[in-house]
Amino acid sequence: MPVHDDRTLFEFLVLEGAQAGLSWITVLRKRARYAELLDGFDPARIVAYPDSKLDALMADPGVIRNRLKIASLRLNAFAFLEVQAACGSFDRYLWDFVGSRPLQNAWPDLRSVPAKTAQSDALSKDLGKRGFKFVGSTIMYAFMQAVGMVNDHTTDCFRHAQLGHRAQRNTA
């Protein structure tokens, strides 16, 4: 489903970055603890975290204890707030990469779904220039799928038609 709430978009950005190199279920099981420890994924609070807070996160088994991923939380929160200030909202910035509406694909099976696209390449590159970490093209494509920027449900999935119909209704 398309997501347009900045806080939720930041949450997905954090979780996709944490998931890098791991199975999605690992991060999904830790989502509630992340929300608790990261003040509901509030970037304005995360940007102000002292080093001691990041050190405490490294000691908590409820999160992915990777020093670079933990350090990226504060960096990404800062970059996120910078994008909001420059563009009016992270949502506006982000959705411009897909022409402000979900891309509708028609993959016959999961083997056909790409790991990255030209849009995820462009998004990844721009986020990197803006100081974001853990935003490689493959991570960004998974993010784009998760926040509904792209409909990659296979054509035999009932959600493919539902989401495609919804996108047509929203642009009519």
N, C-alpha and C. Protein backbone atom coordinates (compact mmCIF):
# COMPACT_ATOMS: atom_id res chain seq x y z
N MET A 1 0.84 -1.18 0.00
CA MET A 1 0.00 0.00 0.00
C MET A 1 0.88 1.25 0.00
N PRO A 2 0.54 2.24 -0.79
CA PRO A 2 1.31 3.48 -0.79
C PRO A 2 1.32 4.16 0.58
N VAL A 3 2.50 4.53 1.01
CA VAL A 3 2.70 5.21 2.29
C VAL A 3 3.11 6.65 1.99
N HIS A 4 2.46 7.60 2.68
CA HIS A 4 2.77 9.01 2.47
C HIS A 4 3.06 9.75 3.78
N ASP A 5 3.07 9.05 4.89
CA ASP A 5 3.35 9.65 6.19
C ASP A 5 4.86 9.66 6.42
N ASP A 6 5.43 10.84 6.66
CA ASP A 6 6.88 10.95 6.81
C ASP A 6 7.44 10.07 7.92
N ARG A 7 6.78 10.02 9.07
CA ARG A 7 7.29 9.20 10.16
C ARG A 7 7.33 7.73 9.77
N THR A 8 6.29 7.27 9.11
CA THR A 8 6.25 5.87 8.67
C THR A 8 7.31 5.61 7.60
N LEU A 9 7.51 6.55 6.72
CA LEU A 9 8.56 6.40 5.71
C LEU A 9 9.94 6.31 6.38
N PHE A 10 10.16 7.11 7.41
CA PHE A 10 11.42 7.04 8.14
C PHE A 10 11.57 5.68 8.83
N GLU A 11 10.49 5.18 9.41
CA GLU A 11 10.51 3.86 10.04
C GLU A 11 10.95 2.80 9.03
N PHE A 12 10.36 2.80 7.86
CA PHE A 12 10.71 1.81 6.84
C PHE A 12 12.15 1.98 6.38
N LEU A 13 12.62 3.21 6.31
CA LEU A 13 14.01 3.47 5.93
C LEU A 13 14.96 2.86 6.97
N VAL A 14 14.64 3.06 8.24
CA VAL A 14 15.45 2.48 9.32
C VAL A 14 15.43 0.96 9.25
N LEU A 15 14.26 0.38 9.12
CA LEU A 15 14.14 -1.07 9.13
C LEU A 15 14.78 -1.72 7.90
N GLU A 16 14.62 -1.10 6.74
CA GLU A 16 15.27 -1.65 5.54
C GLU A 16 16.78 -1.59 5.67
N GLY A 17 17.31 -0.52 6.24
CA GLY A 17 18.75 -0.42 6.47
C GLY A 17 19.24 -1.47 7.45
N ALA A 18 18.47 -1.70 8.49
CA ALA A 18 18.83 -2.73 9.48
C ALA A 18 18.79 -4.12 8.86
N GLN A 19 17.90 -4.32 7.91
CA GLN A 19 17.72 -5.63 7.29
C GLN A 19 18.84 -5.99 6.33
N ALA A 20 19.60 -5.02 5.87
CA ALA A 20 20.65 -5.27 4.88
C ALA A 20 21.50 -6.49 5.25
N GLY A 21 21.50 -7.47 4.37
CA GLY A 21 22.28 -8.68 4.57
C GLY A 21 21.63 -9.72 5.46
N LEU A 22 20.43 -9.44 5.93
CA LEU A 22 19.73 -10.36 6.82
C LEU A 22 18.37 -10.71 6.22
N SER A 23 17.70 -11.67 6.81
CA SER A 23 16.35 -11.98 6.35
C SER A 23 15.38 -10.95 6.91
N TRP A 24 14.35 -10.65 6.15
CA TRP A 24 13.37 -9.66 6.56
C TRP A 24 12.69 -10.07 7.85
N ILE A 25 12.44 -11.35 8.05
CA ILE A 25 11.73 -11.81 9.25
C ILE A 25 12.53 -11.48 10.51
N THR A 26 13.85 -11.48 10.42
CA THR A 26 14.70 -11.14 11.57
C THR A 26 14.39 -9.73 12.04
N VAL A 27 14.31 -8.79 11.12
CA VAL A 27 14.03 -7.40 11.47
C VAL A 27 12.57 -7.23 11.87
N LEU A 28 11.68 -7.90 11.18
CA LEU A 28 10.26 -7.79 11.51
C LEU A 28 10.00 -8.20 12.96
N ARG A 29 10.68 -9.22 13.42
CA ARG A 29 10.52 -9.68 14.81
C ARG A 29 11.08 -8.66 15.81
N LYS A 30 11.94 -7.78 15.35
CA LYS A 30 12.55 -6.78 16.23
C LYS A 30 11.90 -5.39 16.08
N ARG A 31 10.93 -5.29 15.23
CA ARG A 31 10.31 -4.00 14.92
C ARG A 31 9.76 -3.29 16.15
N ALA A 32 9.07 -3.99 17.01
CA ALA A 32 8.48 -3.37 18.21
C ALA A 32 9.56 -2.83 19.13
N ARG A 33 10.65 -3.56 19.27
CA ARG A 33 11.74 -3.08 20.13
C ARG A 33 12.41 -1.85 19.52
N TYR A 34 12.59 -1.85 18.21
CA TYR A 34 13.12 -0.67 17.54
C TYR A 34 12.22 0.54 17.83
N ALA A 35 10.93 0.36 17.68
CA ALA A 35 9.99 1.47 17.91
C ALA A 35 10.11 1.99 19.34
N GLU A 36 10.23 1.07 20.29
CA GLU A 36 10.35 1.46 21.69
C GLU A 36 11.65 2.22 21.95
N LEU A 37 12.74 1.70 21.47
CA LEU A 37 14.05 2.30 21.73
C LEU A 37 14.30 3.56 20.92
N LEU A 38 13.65 3.69 19.77
CA LEU A 38 13.88 4.85 18.89
C LEU A 38 12.75 5.87 18.96
N ASP A 39 12.10 5.93 20.12
CA ASP A 39 11.06 6.95 20.34
C ASP A 39 10.04 6.98 19.22
N GLY A 40 9.54 5.79 18.86
CA GLY A 40 8.52 5.71 17.81
C GLY A 40 9.04 6.14 16.44
N PHE A 41 10.33 5.94 16.21
CA PHE A 41 10.99 6.31 14.95
C PHE A 41 10.88 7.81 14.68
N ASP A 42 11.06 8.60 15.72
CA ASP A 42 10.99 10.05 15.60
C ASP A 42 12.37 10.60 15.22
N PRO A 43 12.56 11.03 13.96
CA PRO A 43 13.89 11.49 13.55
C PRO A 43 14.38 12.72 14.33
N ALA A 44 13.48 13.58 14.76
CA ALA A 44 13.88 14.77 15.51
C ALA A 44 14.49 14.39 16.86
N ARG A 45 14.03 13.32 17.44
CA ARG A 45 14.61 12.85 18.71
C ARG A 45 15.88 12.05 18.46
N ILE A 46 15.87 11.24 17.42
CA ILE A 46 17.04 10.38 17.12
C ILE A 46 18.26 11.22 16.79
N VAL A 47 18.07 12.31 16.06
CA VAL A 47 19.20 13.15 15.67
C VAL A 47 19.92 13.72 16.90
N ALA A 48 19.22 13.85 18.00
CA ALA A 48 19.80 14.41 19.23
C ALA A 48 20.37 13.34 20.16
N TYR A 49 20.32 12.07 19.76
CA TYR A 49 20.84 11.02 20.65
C TYR A 49 22.33 11.23 20.90
N PRO A 50 22.72 11.17 22.17
CA PRO A 50 24.16 11.21 22.47
C PRO A 50 24.80 9.87 22.13
N ASP A 51 26.11 9.86 22.06
CA ASP A 51 26.83 8.61 21.79
C ASP A 51 26.47 7.52 22.79
N SER A 52 26.20 7.91 24.04
CA SER A 52 25.86 6.91 25.07
C SER A 52 24.58 6.16 24.71
N LYS A 53 23.63 6.84 24.07
CA LYS A 53 22.39 6.18 23.65
C LYS A 53 22.69 5.16 22.54
N LEU A 54 23.55 5.54 21.61
CA LEU A 54 23.93 4.61 20.54
C LEU A 54 24.68 3.42 21.11
N ASP A 55 25.53 3.65 22.12
CA ASP A 55 26.24 2.56 22.78
C ASP A 55 25.26 1.62 23.47
N ALA A 56 24.22 2.18 24.09
CA ALA A 56 23.20 1.35 24.75
C ALA A 56 22.45 0.50 23.73
N LEU A 57 22.20 1.06 22.56
CA LEU A 57 21.54 0.29 21.50
C LEU A 57 22.41 -0.90 21.10
N MET A 58 23.72 -0.70 21.05
CA MET A 58 24.64 -1.78 20.68
C MET A 58 24.56 -2.94 21.68
N ALA A 59 24.17 -2.66 22.90
CA ALA A 59 24.11 -3.69 23.93
C ALA A 59 22.73 -4.36 24.01
N ASP A 60 21.77 -3.89 23.25
CA ASP A 60 20.40 -4.40 23.35
C ASP A 60 20.16 -5.51 22.33
N PRO A 61 19.84 -6.71 22.79
CA PRO A 61 19.61 -7.82 21.86
C PRO A 61 18.32 -7.67 21.05
N GLY A 62 17.52 -6.67 21.36
CA GLY A 62 16.27 -6.45 20.63
C GLY A 62 16.46 -5.72 19.31
N VAL A 63 17.70 -5.32 19.00
CA VAL A 63 17.98 -4.65 17.73
C VAL A 63 19.14 -5.37 17.05
N ILE A 64 19.36 -5.04 15.81
CA ILE A 64 20.50 -5.59 15.06
C ILE A 64 21.74 -4.86 15.59
N ARG A 65 22.63 -5.59 16.23
CA ARG A 65 23.78 -4.97 16.89
C ARG A 65 24.98 -4.91 15.95
N ASN A 66 24.85 -4.05 14.99
CA ASN A 66 25.91 -3.79 14.03
C ASN A 66 26.28 -2.31 14.20
N ARG A 67 27.53 -2.06 14.55
CA ARG A 67 27.95 -0.69 14.89
C ARG A 67 27.66 0.31 13.76
N LEU A 68 27.92 -0.09 12.52
CA LEU A 68 27.68 0.83 11.40
C LEU A 68 26.19 1.11 11.21
N LYS A 69 25.37 0.08 11.38
CA LYS A 69 23.92 0.27 11.24
C LYS A 69 23.38 1.15 12.36
N ILE A 70 23.88 0.96 13.57
CA ILE A 70 23.44 1.80 14.70
C ILE A 70 23.89 3.25 14.48
N ALA A 71 25.13 3.45 14.04
CA ALA A 71 25.62 4.81 13.79
C ALA A 71 24.81 5.48 12.68
N SER A 72 24.33 4.68 11.72
CA SER A 72 23.55 5.26 10.62
C SER A 72 22.21 5.82 11.08
N LEU A 73 21.72 5.39 12.23
CA LEU A 73 20.43 5.90 12.72
C LEU A 73 20.46 7.41 12.87
N ARG A 74 21.46 7.92 13.54
CA ARG A 74 21.56 9.36 13.78
C ARG A 74 21.89 10.11 12.49
N LEU A 75 22.79 9.55 11.70
CA LEU A 75 23.14 10.17 10.41
C LEU A 75 21.92 10.26 9.50
N ASN A 76 21.17 9.17 9.41
CA ASN A 76 19.99 9.16 8.54
C ASN A 76 18.89 10.06 9.07
N ALA A 77 18.75 10.16 10.39
CA ALA A 77 17.76 11.06 10.97
C ALA A 77 18.10 12.51 10.59
N PHE A 78 19.37 12.86 10.67
CA PHE A 78 19.80 14.21 10.30
C PHE A 78 19.53 14.47 8.82
N ALA A 79 19.93 13.53 7.96
CA ALA A 79 19.72 13.69 6.52
C ALA A 79 18.22 13.75 6.19
N PHE A 80 17.43 12.96 6.88
CA PHE A 80 15.98 12.94 6.69
C PHE A 80 15.39 14.32 6.99
N LEU A 81 15.78 14.91 8.10
CA LEU A 81 15.29 16.23 8.48
C LEU A 81 15.74 17.30 7.49
N GLU A 82 16.93 17.14 6.95
CA GLU A 82 17.44 18.06 5.92
C GLU A 82 16.58 17.97 4.66
N VAL A 83 16.21 16.76 4.26
CA VAL A 83 15.36 16.59 3.08
C VAL A 83 13.98 17.20 3.33
N GLN A 84 13.43 16.97 4.52
CA GLN A 84 12.13 17.57 4.85
C GLN A 84 12.19 19.09 4.72
N ALA A 85 13.25 19.68 5.27
CA ALA A 85 13.39 21.14 5.23
C ALA A 85 13.53 21.65 3.80
N ALA A 86 14.29 20.92 2.99
CA ALA A 86 14.55 21.36 1.62
C ALA A 86 13.36 21.13 0.69
N CYS A 87 12.60 20.06 0.92
CA CYS A 87 11.55 19.66 -0.03
C CYS A 87 10.13 19.83 0.50
N GLY A 88 10.00 20.23 1.74
CA GLY A 88 8.66 20.37 2.32
C GLY A 88 8.21 19.13 3.06
N SER A 89 8.60 17.97 2.54
CA SER A 89 8.33 16.69 3.21
C SER A 89 9.21 15.62 2.56
N PHE A 90 9.49 14.58 3.31
CA PHE A 90 10.23 13.46 2.75
C PHE A 90 9.36 12.77 1.71
N ASP A 91 8.08 12.71 1.98
CA ASP A 91 7.12 12.10 1.05
C ASP A 91 7.20 12.75 -0.33
N ARG A 92 7.17 14.04 -0.39
CA ARG A 92 7.23 14.76 -1.68
C ARG A 92 8.53 14.42 -2.41
N TYR A 93 9.64 14.49 -1.68
CA TYR A 93 10.95 14.16 -2.26
C TYR A 93 10.95 12.74 -2.84
N LEU A 94 10.53 11.81 -2.02
CA LEU A 94 10.60 10.39 -2.36
C LEU A 94 9.75 10.03 -3.56
N TRP A 95 8.50 10.46 -3.55
CA TRP A 95 7.56 10.05 -4.59
C TRP A 95 7.86 10.68 -5.94
N ASP A 96 8.68 11.72 -5.97
CA ASP A 96 9.10 12.29 -7.25
C ASP A 96 9.91 11.28 -8.08
N PHE A 97 10.53 10.31 -7.41
CA PHE A 97 11.33 9.31 -8.13
C PHE A 97 10.48 8.34 -8.95
N VAL A 98 9.18 8.32 -8.68
CA VAL A 98 8.27 7.45 -9.45
C VAL A 98 7.13 8.26 -10.07
N GLY A 99 7.36 9.54 -10.27
CA GLY A 99 6.33 10.37 -10.90
C GLY A 99 5.10 10.56 -10.04
N SER A 100 5.25 10.48 -8.72
CA SER A 100 4.18 10.72 -7.74
C SER A 100 3.08 9.67 -7.73
N ARG A 101 3.30 8.54 -8.38
CA ARG A 101 2.31 7.45 -8.32
C ARG A 101 3.02 6.11 -8.42
N PRO A 102 2.43 5.07 -7.85
CA PRO A 102 3.09 3.76 -7.84
C PRO A 102 3.35 3.23 -9.24
N LEU A 103 4.51 2.65 -9.42
CA LEU A 103 4.82 1.96 -10.67
C LEU A 103 4.09 0.63 -10.66
N GLN A 104 3.42 0.33 -11.75
CA GLN A 104 2.64 -0.91 -11.85
C GLN A 104 3.38 -1.91 -12.74
N ASN A 105 3.93 -2.93 -12.12
CA ASN A 105 4.62 -3.97 -12.87
C ASN A 105 3.69 -5.16 -13.08
N ALA A 106 4.09 -6.06 -13.94
CA ALA A 106 3.26 -7.24 -14.25
C ALA A 106 4.16 -8.46 -14.33
N TRP A 107 4.75 -8.83 -13.20
CA TRP A 107 5.66 -9.97 -13.17
C TRP A 107 4.87 -11.26 -13.07
N PRO A 108 5.19 -12.26 -13.92
CA PRO A 108 4.46 -13.53 -13.88
C PRO A 108 4.82 -14.39 -12.67
N ASP A 109 6.04 -14.23 -12.13
CA ASP A 109 6.46 -15.02 -10.98
C ASP A 109 7.56 -14.27 -10.23
N LEU A 110 7.90 -14.74 -9.04
CA LEU A 110 8.88 -14.04 -8.20
C LEU A 110 10.27 -14.00 -8.82
N ARG A 111 10.61 -15.00 -9.64
CA ARG A 111 11.93 -15.00 -10.29
C ARG A 111 12.08 -13.82 -11.25
N SER A 112 10.97 -13.28 -11.71
CA SER A 112 10.99 -12.16 -12.66
C SER A 112 11.21 -10.81 -11.99
N VAL A 113 10.94 -10.72 -10.69
CA VAL A 113 11.04 -9.43 -9.99
C VAL A 113 12.51 -9.06 -9.83
N PRO A 114 12.89 -7.87 -10.29
CA PRO A 114 14.29 -7.46 -10.19
C PRO A 114 14.68 -7.12 -8.76
N ALA A 115 15.97 -7.12 -8.49
CA ALA A 115 16.49 -6.73 -7.18
C ALA A 115 16.67 -5.22 -7.08
N LYS A 116 16.77 -4.56 -8.24
CA LYS A 116 16.91 -3.11 -8.29
C LYS A 116 16.47 -2.64 -9.67
N THR A 117 16.25 -1.33 -9.78
CA THR A 117 15.79 -0.74 -11.04
C THR A 117 16.49 0.60 -11.25
N ALA A 118 16.24 1.20 -12.38
CA ALA A 118 16.79 2.53 -12.64
C ALA A 118 16.30 3.54 -11.60
N GLN A 119 15.05 3.41 -11.17
CA GLN A 119 14.51 4.32 -10.16
C GLN A 119 15.19 4.11 -8.81
N SER A 120 15.40 2.85 -8.43
CA SER A 120 16.08 2.61 -7.14
C SER A 120 17.54 3.03 -7.22
N ASP A 121 18.16 2.89 -8.40
CA ASP A 121 19.53 3.38 -8.59
C ASP A 121 19.57 4.89 -8.37
N ALA A 122 18.65 5.61 -8.99
CA ALA A 122 18.62 7.07 -8.88
C ALA A 122 18.35 7.51 -7.44
N LEU A 123 17.40 6.86 -6.79
CA LEU A 123 17.07 7.19 -5.40
C LEU A 123 18.27 6.92 -4.50
N SER A 124 18.88 5.76 -4.66
CA SER A 124 20.05 5.40 -3.86
C SER A 124 21.17 6.41 -4.02
N LYS A 125 21.44 6.77 -5.26
CA LYS A 125 22.52 7.72 -5.54
C LYS A 125 22.22 9.08 -4.90
N ASP A 126 21.00 9.55 -5.03
CA ASP A 126 20.65 10.85 -4.47
C ASP A 126 20.68 10.83 -2.94
N LEU A 127 20.16 9.77 -2.34
CA LEU A 127 20.20 9.66 -0.88
C LEU A 127 21.64 9.64 -0.39
N GLY A 128 22.50 8.91 -1.08
CA GLY A 128 23.91 8.86 -0.71
C GLY A 128 24.56 10.24 -0.76
N LYS A 129 24.25 11.01 -1.80
CA LYS A 129 24.77 12.37 -1.91
C LYS A 129 24.28 13.26 -0.76
N ARG A 130 23.12 12.94 -0.24
CA ARG A 130 22.54 13.72 0.85
C ARG A 130 23.00 13.25 2.23
N GLY A 131 23.87 12.24 2.27
CA GLY A 131 24.45 11.79 3.53
C GLY A 131 23.82 10.56 4.17
N PHE A 132 22.85 9.95 3.51
CA PHE A 132 22.23 8.75 4.05
C PHE A 132 23.18 7.56 3.93
N LYS A 133 23.06 6.63 4.87
CA LYS A 133 23.84 5.39 4.87
C LYS A 133 22.88 4.20 4.79
N PHE A 134 23.40 3.09 4.31
CA PHE A 134 22.61 1.85 4.12
C PHE A 134 21.42 2.11 3.21
N VAL A 135 21.71 2.73 2.08
CA VAL A 135 20.68 3.06 1.10
C VAL A 135 21.11 2.62 -0.30
N GLY A 136 21.76 1.46 -0.39
CA GLY A 136 22.14 0.94 -1.69
C GLY A 136 20.91 0.68 -2.54
N SER A 137 21.11 0.49 -3.83
CA SER A 137 20.00 0.34 -4.76
C SER A 137 19.09 -0.85 -4.43
N THR A 138 19.67 -1.97 -4.04
CA THR A 138 18.84 -3.13 -3.69
C THR A 138 18.02 -2.86 -2.44
N ILE A 139 18.63 -2.21 -1.46
CA ILE A 139 17.89 -1.85 -0.24
C ILE A 139 16.78 -0.87 -0.59
N MET A 140 17.06 0.09 -1.46
CA MET A 140 16.06 1.07 -1.82
C MET A 140 14.93 0.46 -2.64
N TYR A 141 15.24 -0.56 -3.44
CA TYR A 141 14.14 -1.19 -4.17
C TYR A 141 13.22 -1.94 -3.22
N ALA A 142 13.79 -2.61 -2.24
CA ALA A 142 12.96 -3.27 -1.22
C ALA A 142 12.13 -2.23 -0.46
N PHE A 143 12.73 -1.09 -0.16
CA PHE A 143 12.02 0.01 0.49
C PHE A 143 10.86 0.49 -0.39
N MET A 144 11.14 0.68 -1.69
CA MET A 144 10.11 1.14 -2.61
C MET A 144 8.94 0.15 -2.68
N GLN A 145 9.25 -1.14 -2.63
CA GLN A 145 8.19 -2.14 -2.61
C GLN A 145 7.40 -2.04 -1.31
N ALA A 146 8.11 -1.90 -0.19
CA ALA A 146 7.46 -1.90 1.13
C ALA A 146 6.53 -0.70 1.31
N VAL A 147 6.89 0.45 0.75
CA VAL A 147 6.07 1.65 0.94
C VAL A 147 5.12 1.89 -0.23
N GLY A 148 5.00 0.92 -1.11
CA GLY A 148 4.01 0.99 -2.18
C GLY A 148 4.37 1.87 -3.35
N MET A 149 5.63 2.24 -3.49
CA MET A 149 6.04 3.04 -4.64
C MET A 149 6.05 2.20 -5.91
N VAL A 150 6.08 0.90 -5.74
CA VAL A 150 6.07 -0.02 -6.86
C VAL A 150 5.19 -1.22 -6.49
N ASN A 151 4.36 -1.63 -7.42
CA ASN A 151 3.51 -2.80 -7.22
C ASN A 151 4.21 -3.99 -7.89
N ASP A 152 4.89 -4.78 -7.09
CA ASP A 152 5.59 -5.95 -7.60
C ASP A 152 4.91 -7.26 -7.22
N HIS A 153 3.65 -7.18 -6.82
CA HIS A 153 2.90 -8.42 -6.63
C HIS A 153 2.84 -9.12 -7.98
N THR A 154 3.01 -10.43 -7.98
CA THR A 154 2.95 -11.15 -9.24
C THR A 154 1.52 -11.11 -9.78
N THR A 155 1.38 -11.31 -11.08
CA THR A 155 0.08 -11.15 -11.72
C THR A 155 -0.95 -12.17 -11.23
N ASP A 156 -0.49 -13.28 -10.63
CA ASP A 156 -1.44 -14.27 -10.11
C ASP A 156 -1.84 -13.99 -8.66
N CYS A 157 -1.31 -12.93 -8.08
CA CYS A 157 -1.63 -12.56 -6.69
C CYS A 157 -2.83 -11.61 -6.69
N PHE A 158 -3.79 -11.85 -5.81
CA PHE A 158 -4.98 -11.00 -5.75
C PHE A 158 -4.63 -9.54 -5.45
N ARG A 159 -3.52 -9.29 -4.74
CA ARG A 159 -3.13 -7.92 -4.41
C ARG A 159 -2.66 -7.14 -5.64
N HIS A 160 -2.16 -7.84 -6.64
CA HIS A 160 -1.70 -7.15 -7.85
C HIS A 160 -2.84 -6.35 -8.47
N ALA A 161 -3.95 -6.99 -8.68
CA ALA A 161 -5.10 -6.32 -9.30
C ALA A 161 -5.68 -5.25 -8.37
N GLN A 162 -5.77 -5.57 -7.08
CA GLN A 162 -6.32 -4.59 -6.13
C GLN A 162 -5.50 -3.31 -6.12
N LEU A 163 -4.20 -3.43 -6.02
CA LEU A 163 -3.34 -2.26 -5.95
C LEU A 163 -3.26 -1.54 -7.28
N GLY A 164 -3.30 -2.27 -8.37
CA GLY A 164 -3.31 -1.64 -9.69
C GLY A 164 -4.59 -0.85 -9.89
N HIS A 165 -5.71 -1.40 -9.47
CA HIS A 165 -7.00 -0.71 -9.60
C HIS A 165 -7.01 0.53 -8.71
N ARG A 166 -6.47 0.41 -7.51
CA ARG A 166 -6.41 1.55 -6.59
C ARG A 166 -5.58 2.69 -7.16
N ALA A 167 -4.45 2.35 -7.76
CA ALA A 167 -3.59 3.38 -8.36
C ALA A 167 -4.30 4.10 -9.50
N GLN A 168 -5.05 3.36 -10.31
CA GLN A 168 -5.78 3.97 -11.42
C GLN A 168 -6.85 4.91 -10.87
N ARG A 169 -7.55 4.50 -9.82
CA ARG A 169 -8.60 5.32 -9.19
C ARG A 169 -8.01 6.62 -8.64
N ASN A 170 -6.82 6.53 -8.03
CA ASN A 170 -6.22 7.69 -7.40
C ASN A 170 -5.70 8.71 -8.40
N THR A 171 -5.48 8.30 -9.64
CA THR A 171 -4.95 9.22 -10.63
C THR A 171 -6.03 9.69 -11.60
N ALA A 172 -7.23 9.13 -11.51
CA ALA A 172 -8.31 9.49 -12.44
C ALA A 172 -8.93 10.82 -12.06
